[in-house]
Amino acid sequence: MVDAVVVETHPVPMRSTVSWPAIIAGGFVAAALTLMLLALGAGLGFSVVSPWSGPPDISTTTAATVGGIYMAVTAVLSSAIGGYITGRLRTGWAQAPLDEVYFRDTAHGVVCWAFATVMGAALLASAATVVSGGIASRSNQNGASQSIADPTASILDRLFRPDYGALAGGTGQRAAGVFAGGRDLAADRDVARRILLTFDQRGRTEFTGDDRQYLAQMVAARTGLEPAAAEQRVSAIEAEVRVKADAARRAAAHLSFWLVASLLMGAVAAGLTAAEGGAARDGRS
């Protein structure tokens, strides 16, 4: 008669393969390096451009390309160092196959990059909200500071710039606002601002006939210009706004492409260096 042998088995506690402390440490290092390199880039830009020599002879597309390249270099350097630290700090797996160890190290590097990217985006968004809120509150308290937050202020200033030669004497001898119907200048500026802000909507590349005529009438009434000269000024502003809108679209497109490229390169760099760090941790390199 054979005695039965009873074997007692105890469940092995499952341990997560994700080492969050190492990921968070590497993510903070990557975010800090990104901030430092961006500050260095801003300092280099300010040191190259002089406020007394006029605007640099460089197009917005070229500036966006240069900024995109520096952004990509920053992403690769910071992500590579953060990923390597994550790989070195992560706890090793003694019984895992070599290919599984390589995959987990690489995945830790990618998660470190994602953590740093999301954290940096959240911090930038909160900082931008605070800054924009402060500017808006100061603008509401002091009307003179409103031009800081208004990108159309300089265009409106040139649009309604009076012709003092016509106002002081000569054939155009009339006071500013005589034909404005008693309207305040701020009201006409607000109307012109709304027309300028809606200029590029729905694929429009020029003012409508009614808008152009209305702007010319306001300019003639406010500045002392003859109707023909007022229409010429409105046409010049229209051409300038069109050029600036096209340049802004091209610059935004270039920056978007470079942003995507820098994010992808940062993810690859973090994964590769995390695997290298894991190999150095295990003595395989």
C-alpha atoms as a PDB file:
ATOM      1  CA  MET A   1       0.000   0.000   0.000  1.00  0.00           C
ATOM      2  CA  VAL A   2       1.463   3.316  -1.040  1.00  0.00           C
ATOM      3  CA  ASP A   3       1.102   6.227   1.312  1.00  0.00           C
ATOM      4  CA  ALA A   4      -0.187   9.433  -0.260  1.00  0.00           C
ATOM      5  CA  VAL A   5       2.171  12.376  -0.108  1.00  0.00           C
ATOM      6  CA  VAL A   6       0.555  15.721   0.442  1.00  0.00           C
ATOM      7  CA  VAL A   7       2.469  18.683  -0.955  1.00  0.00           C
ATOM      8  CA  GLU A   8       1.506  22.074   0.399  1.00  0.00           C
ATOM      9  CA  THR A   9       1.852  24.954  -2.023  1.00  0.00           C
ATOM     10  CA  HIS A  10       1.945  28.582  -1.016  1.00  0.00           C
ATOM     11  CA  PRO A  11       0.967  31.254  -3.534  1.00  0.00           C
ATOM     12  CA  VAL A  12       3.864  33.379  -4.658  1.00  0.00           C
ATOM     13  CA  PRO A  13       3.059  37.037  -4.135  1.00  0.00           C
ATOM     14  CA  MET A  14       2.898  38.868  -7.439  1.00  0.00           C
ATOM     15  CA  ARG A  15       5.298  41.790  -7.707  1.00  0.00           C
ATOM     16  CA  SER A  16       4.690  44.526 -10.188  1.00  0.00           C
ATOM     17  CA  THR A  17       7.261  44.734 -12.949  1.00  0.00           C
ATOM     18  CA  VAL A  18       6.896  48.515 -13.090  1.00  0.00           C
ATOM     19  CA  SER A  19       9.398  50.355 -10.898  1.00  0.00           C
ATOM     20  CA  TRP A  20       7.653  53.679 -10.340  1.00  0.00           C
ATOM     21  CA  PRO A  21      10.327  55.201  -8.078  1.00  0.00           C
ATOM     22  CA  ALA A  22      12.910  54.792 -10.847  1.00  0.00           C
ATOM     23  CA  ILE A  23      10.485  56.180 -13.449  1.00  0.00           C
ATOM     24  CA  ILE A  24       9.619  59.218 -11.326  1.00  0.00           C
ATOM     25  CA  ALA A  25      13.288  59.902 -10.561  1.00  0.00           C
ATOM     26  CA  GLY A  26      14.267  59.704 -14.224  1.00  0.00           C
ATOM     27  CA  GLY A  27      11.269  61.803 -15.233  1.00  0.00           C
ATOM     28  CA  PHE A  28      12.186  64.600 -12.835  1.00  0.00           C
ATOM     29  CA  VAL A  29      15.762  64.566 -14.097  1.00  0.00           C
ATOM     30  CA  ALA A  30      14.567  64.748 -17.720  1.00  0.00           C
ATOM     31  CA  ALA A  31      12.138  67.595 -16.946  1.00  0.00           C
ATOM     32  CA  ALA A  32      14.813  69.555 -15.066  1.00  0.00           C
ATOM     33  CA  LEU A  33      17.316  69.136 -17.903  1.00  0.00           C
ATOM     34  CA  THR A  34      14.688  70.229 -20.422  1.00  0.00           C
ATOM     35  CA  LEU A  35      14.024  73.398 -18.415  1.00  0.00           C
ATOM     36  CA  MET A  36      17.741  74.109 -18.127  1.00  0.00           C
ATOM     37  CA  LEU A  37      18.401  73.612 -21.856  1.00  0.00           C
ATOM     38  CA  LEU A  38      15.395  75.745 -22.831  1.00  0.00           C
ATOM     39  CA  ALA A  39      16.625  78.523 -20.549  1.00  0.00           C
ATOM     40  CA  LEU A  40      20.071  78.186 -22.135  1.00  0.00           C
ATOM     41  CA  GLY A  41      18.536  78.449 -25.610  1.00  0.00           C
ATOM     42  CA  ALA A  42      16.596  81.555 -24.622  1.00  0.00           C
ATOM     43  CA  GLY A  43      19.756  83.112 -23.218  1.00  0.00           C
ATOM     44  CA  LEU A  44      21.679  82.369 -26.406  1.00  0.00           C
ATOM     45  CA  GLY A  45      18.903  83.889 -28.480  1.00  0.00           C
ATOM     46  CA  PHE A  46      18.844  87.084 -26.412  1.00  0.00           C
ATOM     47  CA  SER A  47      22.629  87.359 -26.576  1.00  0.00           C
ATOM     48  CA  VAL A  48      22.622  87.062 -30.378  1.00  0.00           C
ATOM     49  CA  VAL A  49      19.761  89.513 -31.076  1.00  0.00           C
ATOM     50  CA  SER A  50      20.419  93.137 -30.136  1.00  0.00           C
ATOM     51  CA  PRO A  51      17.441  95.435 -29.442  1.00  0.00           C
ATOM     52  CA  TRP A  52      19.336  98.364 -30.987  1.00  0.00           C
ATOM     53  CA  SER A  53      20.207  96.788 -34.331  1.00  0.00           C
ATOM     54  CA  GLY A  54      16.614  96.373 -35.504  1.00  0.00           C
ATOM     55  CA  PRO A  55      14.849  93.104 -36.272  1.00  0.00           C
ATOM     56  CA  PRO A  56      17.125  90.301 -37.497  1.00  0.00           C
ATOM     57  CA  ASP A  57      17.068  89.501 -41.193  1.00  0.00           C
ATOM     58  CA  ILE A  58      15.491  86.065 -40.766  1.00  0.00           C
ATOM     59  CA  SER A  59      12.161  84.711 -41.905  1.00  0.00           C
ATOM     60  CA  THR A  60       9.625  83.204 -39.551  1.00  0.00           C
ATOM     61  CA  THR A  61       9.983  79.834 -41.283  1.00  0.00           C
ATOM     62  CA  THR A  62      13.753  79.837 -40.763  1.00  0.00           C
ATOM     63  CA  ALA A  63      13.314  80.888 -37.150  1.00  0.00           C
ATOM     64  CA  ALA A  64      10.796  78.076 -36.624  1.00  0.00           C
ATOM     65  CA  THR A  65      13.214  75.581 -38.179  1.00  0.00           C
ATOM     66  CA  VAL A  66      16.105  76.707 -35.975  1.00  0.00           C
ATOM     67  CA  GLY A  67      13.870  76.589 -32.907  1.00  0.00           C
ATOM     68  CA  GLY A  68      12.590  73.148 -33.899  1.00  0.00           C
ATOM     69  CA  ILE A  69      16.101  71.751 -34.291  1.00  0.00           C
ATOM     70  CA  TYR A  70      17.120  73.063 -30.876  1.00  0.00           C
ATOM     71  CA  MET A  71      13.898  71.649 -29.415  1.00  0.00           C
ATOM     72  CA  ALA A  72      14.710  68.221 -30.893  1.00  0.00           C
ATOM     73  CA  VAL A  73      18.273  68.301 -29.519  1.00  0.00           C
ATOM     74  CA  THR A  74      16.912  69.282 -26.112  1.00  0.00           C
ATOM     75  CA  ALA A  75      14.400  66.430 -26.140  1.00  0.00           C
ATOM     76  CA  VAL A  76      17.015  63.839 -27.117  1.00  0.00           C
ATOM     77  CA  LEU A  77      19.580  64.930 -24.500  1.00  0.00           C
ATOM     78  CA  SER A  78      17.175  65.252 -21.590  1.00  0.00           C
ATOM     79  CA  SER A  79      15.260  62.071 -22.429  1.00  0.00           C
ATOM     80  CA  ALA A  80      18.462  60.087 -22.907  1.00  0.00           C
ATOM     81  CA  ILE A  81      19.836  61.050 -19.503  1.00  0.00           C
ATOM     82  CA  GLY A  82      16.499  60.542 -17.764  1.00  0.00           C
ATOM     83  CA  GLY A  83      16.036  57.138 -19.406  1.00  0.00           C
ATOM     84  CA  TYR A  84      19.543  55.997 -18.469  1.00  0.00           C
ATOM     85  CA  ILE A  85      18.971  56.954 -14.825  1.00  0.00           C
ATOM     86  CA  THR A  86      15.685  55.055 -14.841  1.00  0.00           C
ATOM     87  CA  GLY A  87      17.389  51.946 -16.220  1.00  0.00           C
ATOM     88  CA  ARG A  88      20.185  52.063 -13.663  1.00  0.00           C
ATOM     89  CA  LEU A  89      17.895  52.640 -10.688  1.00  0.00           C
ATOM     90  CA  ARG A  90      15.317  50.003 -11.595  1.00  0.00           C
ATOM     91  CA  THR A  91      15.340  46.755  -9.588  1.00  0.00           C
ATOM     92  CA  GLY A  92      16.516  43.796 -11.672  1.00  0.00           C
ATOM     93  CA  TRP A  93      14.688  40.522 -12.344  1.00  0.00           C
ATOM     94  CA  ALA A  94      16.823  37.474 -11.582  1.00  0.00           C
ATOM     95  CA  GLN A  95      14.668  34.858 -13.332  1.00  0.00           C
ATOM     96  CA  ALA A  96      13.423  36.821 -16.336  1.00  0.00           C
ATOM     97  CA  PRO A  97      14.751  35.900 -19.789  1.00  0.00           C
ATOM     98  CA  LEU A  98      17.236  38.272 -21.346  1.00  0.00           C
ATOM     99  CA  ASP A  99      14.878  39.470 -24.072  1.00  0.00           C
ATOM    100  CA  GLU A 100      12.181  40.136 -21.452  1.00  0.00           C
ATOM    101  CA  VAL A 101      14.652  42.156 -19.371  1.00  0.00           C
ATOM    102  CA  TYR A 102      15.574  44.194 -22.450  1.00  0.00           C
ATOM    103  CA  PHE A 103      11.895  44.873 -23.183  1.00  0.00           C
ATOM    104  CA  ARG A 104      11.122  45.906 -19.614  1.00  0.00           C
ATOM    105  CA  ASP A 105      14.098  48.249 -19.453  1.00  0.00           C
ATOM    106  CA  THR A 106      13.092  49.850 -22.745  1.00  0.00           C
ATOM    107  CA  ALA A 107       9.493  50.175 -21.573  1.00  0.00           C
ATOM    108  CA  HIS A 108      10.652  51.847 -18.367  1.00  0.00           C
ATOM    109  CA  GLY A 109      12.561  54.396 -20.407  1.00  0.00           C
ATOM    110  CA  VAL A 110       9.514  55.163 -22.571  1.00  0.00           C
ATOM    111  CA  VAL A 111       7.284  55.515 -19.480  1.00  0.00           C
ATOM    112  CA  CYS A 112       9.899  57.848 -17.950  1.00  0.00           C
ATOM    113  CA  TRP A 113       9.765  59.983 -21.112  1.00  0.00           C
ATOM    114  CA  ALA A 114       5.951  60.024 -21.037  1.00  0.00           C
ATOM    115  CA  PHE A 115       5.917  61.021 -17.370  1.00  0.00           C
ATOM    116  CA  ALA A 116       8.352  63.881 -17.950  1.00  0.00           C
ATOM    117  CA  THR A 117       6.434  65.059 -21.040  1.00  0.00           C
ATOM    118  CA  VAL A 118       3.031  65.099 -19.344  1.00  0.00           C
ATOM    119  CA  MET A 119       4.446  66.743 -16.215  1.00  0.00           C
ATOM    120  CA  GLY A 120       6.204  69.415 -18.269  1.00  0.00           C
ATOM    121  CA  ALA A 121       3.075  70.115 -20.327  1.00  0.00           C
ATOM    122  CA  ALA A 122       0.965  70.451 -17.167  1.00  0.00           C
ATOM    123  CA  LEU A 123       3.450  72.847 -15.576  1.00  0.00           C
ATOM    124  CA  LEU A 124       3.674  74.967 -18.729  1.00  0.00           C
ATOM    125  CA  ALA A 125      -0.119  75.083 -19.045  1.00  0.00           C
ATOM    126  CA  SER A 126      -0.549  76.195 -15.433  1.00  0.00           C
ATOM    127  CA  ALA A 127       2.183  78.823 -15.785  1.00  0.00           C
ATOM    128  CA  ALA A 128       0.606  80.159 -18.985  1.00  0.00           C
ATOM    129  CA  THR A 129      -2.783  80.373 -17.247  1.00  0.00           C
ATOM    130  CA  VAL A 130      -1.320  82.351 -14.351  1.00  0.00           C
ATOM    131  CA  VAL A 131       0.555  84.726 -16.645  1.00  0.00           C
ATOM    132  CA  SER A 132      -2.406  85.329 -18.957  1.00  0.00           C
ATOM    133  CA  GLY A 133      -4.703  85.843 -15.977  1.00  0.00           C
ATOM    134  CA  GLY A 134      -2.328  88.416 -14.497  1.00  0.00           C
ATOM    135  CA  ILE A 135      -2.076  90.311 -17.782  1.00  0.00           C
ATOM    136  CA  ALA A 136      -5.852  90.298 -18.184  1.00  0.00           C
ATOM    137  CA  SER A 137      -6.420  91.620 -14.654  1.00  0.00           C
ATOM    138  CA  ARG A 138      -3.857  94.391 -15.114  1.00  0.00           C
ATOM    139  CA  SER A 139      -5.438  95.276 -18.440  1.00  0.00           C
ATOM    140  CA  ASN A 140      -8.852  95.596 -16.822  1.00  0.00           C
ATOM    141  CA  GLN A 141      -7.468  97.795 -14.036  1.00  0.00           C
ATOM    142  CA  ASN A 142      -5.481 100.046 -16.362  1.00  0.00           C
ATOM    143  CA  GLY A 143      -6.707 100.720 -19.873  1.00  0.00           C
ATOM    144  CA  ALA A 144      -3.249 101.891 -20.956  1.00  0.00           C
ATOM    145  CA  SER A 145      -1.863  98.396 -20.492  1.00  0.00           C
ATOM    146  CA  GLN A 146      -4.460  96.834 -22.773  1.00  0.00           C
ATOM    147  CA  SER A 147      -2.103  97.014 -25.762  1.00  0.00           C
ATOM    148  CA  ILE A 148       0.183  94.457 -24.053  1.00  0.00           C
ATOM    149  CA  ALA A 149      -2.389  91.702 -24.550  1.00  0.00           C
ATOM    150  CA  ASP A 150      -3.782  92.982 -27.863  1.00  0.00           C
ATOM    151  CA  PRO A 151      -1.826  91.858 -30.939  1.00  0.00           C
ATOM    152  CA  THR A 152      -3.793  94.235 -33.182  1.00  0.00           C
ATOM    153  CA  ALA A 153      -2.955  97.385 -31.203  1.00  0.00           C
ATOM    154  CA  SER A 154      -0.011  98.460 -33.363  1.00  0.00           C
ATOM    155  CA  ILE A 155      -2.001  97.845 -36.571  1.00  0.00           C
ATOM    156  CA  LEU A 156      -4.910  99.915 -35.253  1.00  0.00           C
ATOM    157  CA  ASP A 157      -2.539 102.703 -34.274  1.00  0.00           C
ATOM    158  CA  ARG A 158      -1.231 102.941 -37.822  1.00  0.00           C
ATOM    159  CA  LEU A 159      -4.695 102.564 -39.299  1.00  0.00           C
ATOM    160  CA  PHE A 160      -6.079 105.546 -37.354  1.00  0.00           C
ATOM    161  CA  ARG A 161      -2.913 107.661 -37.364  1.00  0.00           C
ATOM    162  CA  PRO A 162      -4.055 111.247 -38.067  1.00  0.00           C
ATOM    163  CA  ASP A 163      -2.736 113.230 -41.020  1.00  0.00           C
ATOM    164  CA  TYR A 164      -1.662 116.317 -39.063  1.00  0.00           C
ATOM    165  CA  GLY A 165      -0.721 118.130 -42.238  1.00  0.00           C
ATOM    166  CA  ALA A 166      -4.335 117.981 -43.410  1.00  0.00           C
ATOM    167  CA  LEU A 167      -5.739 118.698 -39.946  1.00  0.00           C
ATOM    168  CA  ALA A 168      -3.563 121.793 -39.366  1.00  0.00           C
ATOM    169  CA  GLY A 169      -4.309 123.534 -42.653  1.00  0.00           C
ATOM    170  CA  GLY A 170      -4.327 123.301 -46.414  1.00  0.00           C
ATOM    171  CA  THR A 171      -7.147 121.848 -48.434  1.00  0.00           C
ATOM    172  CA  GLY A 172      -8.103 119.290 -45.810  1.00  0.00           C
ATOM    173  CA  GLN A 173      -8.685 121.839 -43.034  1.00  0.00           C
ATOM    174  CA  ARG A 174     -10.909 119.882 -40.652  1.00  0.00           C
ATOM    175  CA  ALA A 175     -10.736 118.650 -37.095  1.00  0.00           C
ATOM    176  CA  ALA A 176     -10.355 115.003 -36.194  1.00  0.00           C
ATOM    177  CA  GLY A 177     -13.687 113.347 -35.692  1.00  0.00           C
ATOM    178  CA  VAL A 178     -15.854 115.937 -37.414  1.00  0.00           C
ATOM    179  CA  PHE A 179     -17.448 113.316 -39.660  1.00  0.00           C
ATOM    180  CA  ALA A 180     -17.395 110.543 -37.038  1.00  0.00           C
ATOM    181  CA  GLY A 181     -20.955 111.258 -35.974  1.00  0.00           C
ATOM    182  CA  GLY A 182     -20.016 111.896 -32.354  1.00  0.00           C
ATOM    183  CA  ARG A 183     -18.764 108.321 -31.898  1.00  0.00           C
ATOM    184  CA  ASP A 184     -15.916 107.709 -29.514  1.00  0.00           C
ATOM    185  CA  LEU A 185     -12.617 106.687 -31.088  1.00  0.00           C
ATOM    186  CA  ALA A 186     -12.505 103.591 -28.860  1.00  0.00           C
ATOM    187  CA  ALA A 187     -15.769 102.364 -30.399  1.00  0.00           C
ATOM    188  CA  ASP A 188     -14.384 102.645 -33.925  1.00  0.00           C
ATOM    189  CA  ARG A 189     -11.169 100.909 -32.847  1.00  0.00           C
ATOM    190  CA  ASP A 190     -13.196  98.039 -31.386  1.00  0.00           C
ATOM    191  CA  VAL A 191     -15.114  97.644 -34.633  1.00  0.00           C
ATOM    192  CA  ALA A 192     -11.896  97.679 -36.657  1.00  0.00           C
ATOM    193  CA  ARG A 193     -10.300  95.196 -34.235  1.00  0.00           C
ATOM    194  CA  ARG A 194     -13.146  92.717 -34.701  1.00  0.00           C
ATOM    195  CA  ILE A 195     -12.867  93.042 -38.473  1.00  0.00           C
ATOM    196  CA  LEU A 196      -9.112  92.365 -38.284  1.00  0.00           C
ATOM    197  CA  LEU A 197      -9.564  89.373 -35.978  1.00  0.00           C
ATOM    198  CA  THR A 198     -12.129  87.778 -38.303  1.00  0.00           C
ATOM    199  CA  PHE A 199     -10.039  88.523 -41.407  1.00  0.00           C
ATOM    200  CA  ASP A 200      -8.495  85.038 -41.585  1.00  0.00           C
ATOM    201  CA  GLN A 201     -11.575  82.998 -40.676  1.00  0.00           C
ATOM    202  CA  ARG A 202     -13.313  80.660 -43.117  1.00  0.00           C
ATOM    203  CA  GLY A 203     -10.374  80.778 -45.498  1.00  0.00           C
ATOM    204  CA  ARG A 204     -10.799  84.484 -46.262  1.00  0.00           C
ATOM    205  CA  THR A 205      -7.724  86.140 -47.737  1.00  0.00           C
ATOM    206  CA  GLU A 206      -9.110  89.664 -48.075  1.00  0.00           C
ATOM    207  CA  PHE A 207     -11.682  91.978 -46.578  1.00  0.00           C
ATOM    208  CA  THR A 208     -15.205  91.876 -47.911  1.00  0.00           C
ATOM    209  CA  GLY A 209     -16.306  94.853 -49.940  1.00  0.00           C
ATOM    210  CA  ASP A 210     -18.513  96.188 -47.133  1.00  0.00           C
ATOM    211  CA  ASP A 211     -15.766  95.806 -44.513  1.00  0.00           C
ATOM    212  CA  ARG A 212     -13.171  97.529 -46.705  1.00  0.00           C
ATOM    213  CA  GLN A 213     -15.531 100.413 -47.472  1.00  0.00           C
ATOM    214  CA  TYR A 214     -16.537 100.787 -43.823  1.00  0.00           C
ATOM    215  CA  LEU A 215     -12.918 100.814 -42.655  1.00  0.00           C
ATOM    216  CA  ALA A 216     -12.021 103.410 -45.282  1.00  0.00           C
ATOM    217  CA  GLN A 217     -14.899 105.639 -44.135  1.00  0.00           C
ATOM    218  CA  MET A 218     -13.803 105.372 -40.490  1.00  0.00           C
ATOM    219  CA  VAL A 219     -10.173 106.116 -41.379  1.00  0.00           C
ATOM    220  CA  ALA A 220     -11.157 109.142 -43.469  1.00  0.00           C
ATOM    221  CA  ALA A 221     -13.387 110.488 -40.713  1.00  0.00           C
ATOM    222  CA  ARG A 222     -10.818 109.960 -37.963  1.00  0.00           C
ATOM    223  CA  THR A 223      -7.556 110.924 -39.638  1.00  0.00           C
ATOM    224  CA  GLY A 224      -8.337 113.790 -42.010  1.00  0.00           C
ATOM    225  CA  LEU A 225      -7.272 111.773 -45.064  1.00  0.00           C
ATOM    226  CA  GLU A 226      -9.068 112.059 -48.353  1.00  0.00           C
ATOM    227  CA  PRO A 227     -11.271 109.034 -49.213  1.00  0.00           C
ATOM    228  CA  ALA A 228      -8.835 107.782 -51.841  1.00  0.00           C
ATOM    229  CA  ALA A 229      -5.899 107.994 -49.415  1.00  0.00           C
ATOM    230  CA  ALA A 230      -7.954 106.271 -46.706  1.00  0.00           C
ATOM    231  CA  GLU A 231      -8.785 103.398 -49.054  1.00  0.00           C
ATOM    232  CA  GLN A 232      -5.105 103.120 -49.949  1.00  0.00           C
ATOM    233  CA  ARG A 233      -4.160 102.892 -46.267  1.00  0.00           C
ATOM    234  CA  VAL A 234      -6.773 100.193 -45.661  1.00  0.00           C
ATOM    235  CA  SER A 235      -5.456  98.221 -48.654  1.00  0.00           C
ATOM    236  CA  ALA A 236      -1.911  98.478 -47.322  1.00  0.00           C
ATOM    237  CA  ILE A 237      -3.022  97.212 -43.886  1.00  0.00           C
ATOM    238  CA  GLU A 238      -4.950  94.395 -45.579  1.00  0.00           C
ATOM    239  CA  ALA A 239      -1.847  93.271 -47.487  1.00  0.00           C
ATOM    240  CA  GLU A 240       0.253  93.422 -44.326  1.00  0.00           C
ATOM    241  CA  VAL A 241      -2.238  91.363 -42.317  1.00  0.00           C
ATOM    242  CA  ARG A 242      -2.385  88.784 -45.119  1.00  0.00           C
ATOM    243  CA  VAL A 243       1.404  88.428 -45.202  1.00  0.00           C
ATOM    244  CA  LYS A 244       1.615  88.130 -41.412  1.00  0.00           C
ATOM    245  CA  ALA A 245      -1.187  85.548 -41.316  1.00  0.00           C
ATOM    246  CA  ASP A 246       0.509  83.412 -43.980  1.00  0.00           C
ATOM    247  CA  ALA A 247       3.859  83.655 -42.174  1.00  0.00           C
ATOM    248  CA  ALA A 248       2.249  82.697 -38.869  1.00  0.00           C
ATOM    249  CA  ARG A 249       0.574  79.661 -40.467  1.00  0.00           C
ATOM    250  CA  ARG A 250       3.847  78.480 -41.996  1.00  0.00           C
ATOM    251  CA  ALA A 251       5.738  78.977 -38.739  1.00  0.00           C
ATOM    252  CA  ALA A 252       3.050  77.132 -36.767  1.00  0.00           C
ATOM    253  CA  ALA A 253       3.134  74.217 -39.221  1.00  0.00           C
ATOM    254  CA  HIS A 254       6.932  73.949 -39.025  1.00  0.00           C
ATOM    255  CA  LEU A 255       6.898  74.102 -35.235  1.00  0.00           C
ATOM    256  CA  SER A 256       4.175  71.434 -35.074  1.00  0.00           C
ATOM    257  CA  PHE A 257       6.184  69.056 -37.272  1.00  0.00           C
ATOM    258  CA  TRP A 258       9.350  69.662 -35.253  1.00  0.00           C
ATOM    259  CA  LEU A 259       7.443  69.171 -31.996  1.00  0.00           C
ATOM    260  CA  VAL A 260       6.183  65.767 -33.141  1.00  0.00           C
ATOM    261  CA  ALA A 261       9.667  64.817 -34.359  1.00  0.00           C
ATOM    262  CA  SER A 262      11.284  65.900 -31.089  1.00  0.00           C
ATOM    263  CA  LEU A 263       8.760  63.908 -29.053  1.00  0.00           C
ATOM    264  CA  LEU A 264       9.375  60.779 -31.108  1.00  0.00           C
ATOM    265  CA  MET A 265      13.154  61.168 -30.909  1.00  0.00           C
ATOM    266  CA  GLY A 266      12.910  61.733 -27.161  1.00  0.00           C
ATOM    267  CA  ALA A 267      10.891  58.547 -26.696  1.00  0.00           C
ATOM    268  CA  VAL A 268      13.389  56.499 -28.744  1.00  0.00           C
ATOM    269  CA  ALA A 269      16.365  58.000 -26.894  1.00  0.00           C
ATOM    270  CA  ALA A 270      14.805  57.306 -23.496  1.00  0.00           C
ATOM    271  CA  GLY A 271      14.030  53.686 -24.388  1.00  0.00           C
ATOM    272  CA  LEU A 272      17.488  52.960 -25.791  1.00  0.00           C
ATOM    273  CA  THR A 273      19.389  54.563 -22.923  1.00  0.00           C
ATOM    274  CA  ALA A 274      17.175  52.859 -20.346  1.00  0.00           C
ATOM    275  CA  ALA A 275      18.082  49.497 -21.904  1.00  0.00           C
ATOM    276  CA  GLU A 276      21.742  50.513 -21.815  1.00  0.00           C
ATOM    277  CA  GLY A 277      21.403  51.530 -18.193  1.00  0.00           C
ATOM    278  CA  GLY A 278      19.768  48.218 -17.349  1.00  0.00           C
ATOM    279  CA  ALA A 279      22.593  46.332 -19.053  1.00  0.00           C
ATOM    280  CA  ALA A 280      25.151  48.302 -17.044  1.00  0.00           C
ATOM    281  CA  ARG A 281      23.187  47.575 -13.853  1.00  0.00           C
ATOM    282  CA  ASP A 282      23.203  43.821 -14.535  1.00  0.00           C
ATOM    283  CA  GLY A 283      26.837  43.774 -15.655  1.00  0.00           C
ATOM    284  CA  ARG A 284      25.979  42.897 -19.254  1.00  0.00           C
ATOM    285  CA  SER A 285      27.787  45.828 -20.854  1.00  0.00           C
END
